[in-house]
Amino acid sequence: MLKLTKTMLEKSIIDCNSQCRDFALNHGVDYDAIGNGERVVLAATWQDGTETELRFYRPANDRKDRRLSIKDIKKHCEIGDTINMANSKNGILLIIS
């Protein structure tokens, strides 16, 4: 579950919280195995059926931040929206509330 801020939407950069990291790990994305400047991309679908990508990555710096970006997030979300990542029979589903 991610509550979107102005900065998250403007920069398309989301700090991956513990729930997000747990979700990623359940889908084979281990941040401990991602090096700085590397990323892992997973296919997902918005609740309206539009395909998208979840990009789990670490920026190319020494801080070892764990980040997430979601393709076309600005087309689907507004400041204050909450995105829930859920499993569906067709893969990962992004639900906006």
Protein backbone atom coordinates (compact mmCIF):
# COMPACT_ATOMS: atom_id res chain seq x y z
CA MET A 1 0.00 0.00 0.00
CA LEU A 2 1.45 3.34 -1.07
CA LYS A 3 -0.04 6.77 -0.32
CA LEU A 4 1.11 9.07 -3.13
CA THR A 5 2.65 12.46 -2.45
CA LYS A 6 3.29 15.36 -4.81
CA THR A 7 6.99 14.45 -5.03
CA MET A 8 6.24 10.80 -5.82
CA LEU A 9 4.05 11.82 -8.75
CA GLU A 10 6.23 14.65 -10.05
CA LYS A 11 9.45 12.65 -10.02
CA SER A 12 7.96 9.14 -10.44
CA ILE A 13 10.22 8.03 -7.59
CA ILE A 14 8.76 6.10 -4.66
CA ASP A 15 10.71 4.98 -1.61
CA CYS A 16 9.84 1.32 -1.18
CA ASN A 17 8.34 0.90 2.30
CA SER A 18 8.39 -2.40 4.21
CA GLN A 19 5.05 -3.54 2.76
CA CYS A 20 6.29 -2.81 -0.73
CA ARG A 21 9.57 -4.67 -0.08
CA ASP A 22 7.65 -7.68 1.28
CA PHE A 23 5.43 -7.67 -1.81
CA ALA A 24 8.49 -7.46 -4.05
CA LEU A 25 10.20 -10.32 -2.23
CA ASN A 26 7.07 -12.46 -2.66
CA HIS A 27 7.46 -11.85 -6.41
CA GLY A 28 11.15 -12.77 -6.54
CA VAL A 29 12.58 -9.27 -6.16
CA ASP A 30 15.19 -9.21 -3.39
CA TYR A 31 16.57 -5.73 -2.77
CA ASP A 32 19.63 -7.29 -1.10
CA ALA A 33 20.50 -8.81 -4.50
CA ILE A 34 19.99 -5.59 -6.50
CA GLY A 35 23.18 -3.58 -6.93
CA ASN A 36 23.38 0.20 -7.12
CA GLY A 37 22.18 1.34 -10.53
CA GLU A 38 20.38 -1.97 -11.21
CA ARG A 39 16.66 -2.63 -11.50
CA VAL A 40 14.17 -5.45 -11.79
CA VAL A 41 11.03 -4.93 -13.88
CA LEU A 42 7.75 -6.78 -13.32
CA ALA A 43 4.65 -6.60 -15.49
CA ALA A 44 1.47 -5.36 -13.83
CA THR A 45 -2.00 -4.12 -14.75
CA TRP A 46 -3.96 -1.09 -13.56
CA GLN A 47 -7.48 -1.80 -12.32
CA ASP A 48 -8.87 -0.47 -15.63
CA GLY A 49 -6.98 -3.19 -17.53
CA THR A 50 -4.13 -0.99 -18.81
CA GLU A 51 -0.76 -2.73 -18.73
CA THR A 52 2.11 -1.16 -16.83
CA GLU A 53 5.48 -1.99 -15.27
CA LEU A 54 6.76 -1.98 -11.70
CA ARG A 55 10.44 -1.05 -11.62
CA PHE A 56 12.19 -2.01 -8.40
CA TYR A 57 15.66 -0.48 -8.24
CA ARG A 58 18.52 1.03 -6.33
CA PRO A 59 19.82 4.37 -7.60
CA ALA A 60 23.45 4.67 -8.68
CA ASN A 61 24.65 6.29 -5.44
CA ASP A 62 26.16 5.11 -2.16
CA ARG A 63 23.00 5.53 -0.05
CA LYS A 64 21.51 2.11 -0.98
CA ASP A 65 17.96 3.49 -1.19
CA ARG A 66 15.29 1.01 -2.23
CA ARG A 67 13.01 2.57 -4.78
CA LEU A 68 10.03 1.81 -7.00
CA SER A 69 8.70 3.52 -10.07
CA ILE A 70 5.46 2.70 -11.85
CA LYS A 71 5.14 3.29 -15.58
CA ASP A 72 2.45 5.87 -16.45
CA ILE A 73 1.63 6.60 -12.82
CA LYS A 74 0.77 10.23 -13.67
CA LYS A 75 -1.91 9.08 -16.13
CA HIS A 76 -3.73 7.03 -13.49
CA CYS A 77 -3.17 8.69 -10.12
CA GLU A 78 -3.44 11.97 -8.27
CA ILE A 79 -1.79 13.32 -5.14
CA GLY A 80 -3.29 11.60 -2.09
CA ASP A 81 -4.34 8.45 -3.92
CA THR A 82 -3.41 5.12 -2.41
CA ILE A 83 -2.10 2.33 -4.61
CA ASN A 84 -2.62 -1.23 -3.46
CA MET A 85 -0.60 -3.95 -5.16
CA ALA A 86 -2.52 -7.21 -5.23
CA ASN A 87 -2.18 -10.64 -6.74
CA SER A 88 -4.76 -11.60 -9.34
CA LYS A 89 -5.20 -14.59 -11.61
CA ASN A 90 -3.54 -12.54 -14.38
CA GLY A 91 -0.56 -11.33 -12.31
CA ILE A 92 -0.06 -8.14 -10.33
CA LEU A 93 -3.02 -5.77 -10.14
CA LEU A 94 -2.71 -2.09 -9.11
CA ILE A 95 -5.81 -0.80 -7.37
CA ILE A 96 -6.27 2.94 -6.77
CA SER A 97 -8.32 4.19 -3.86
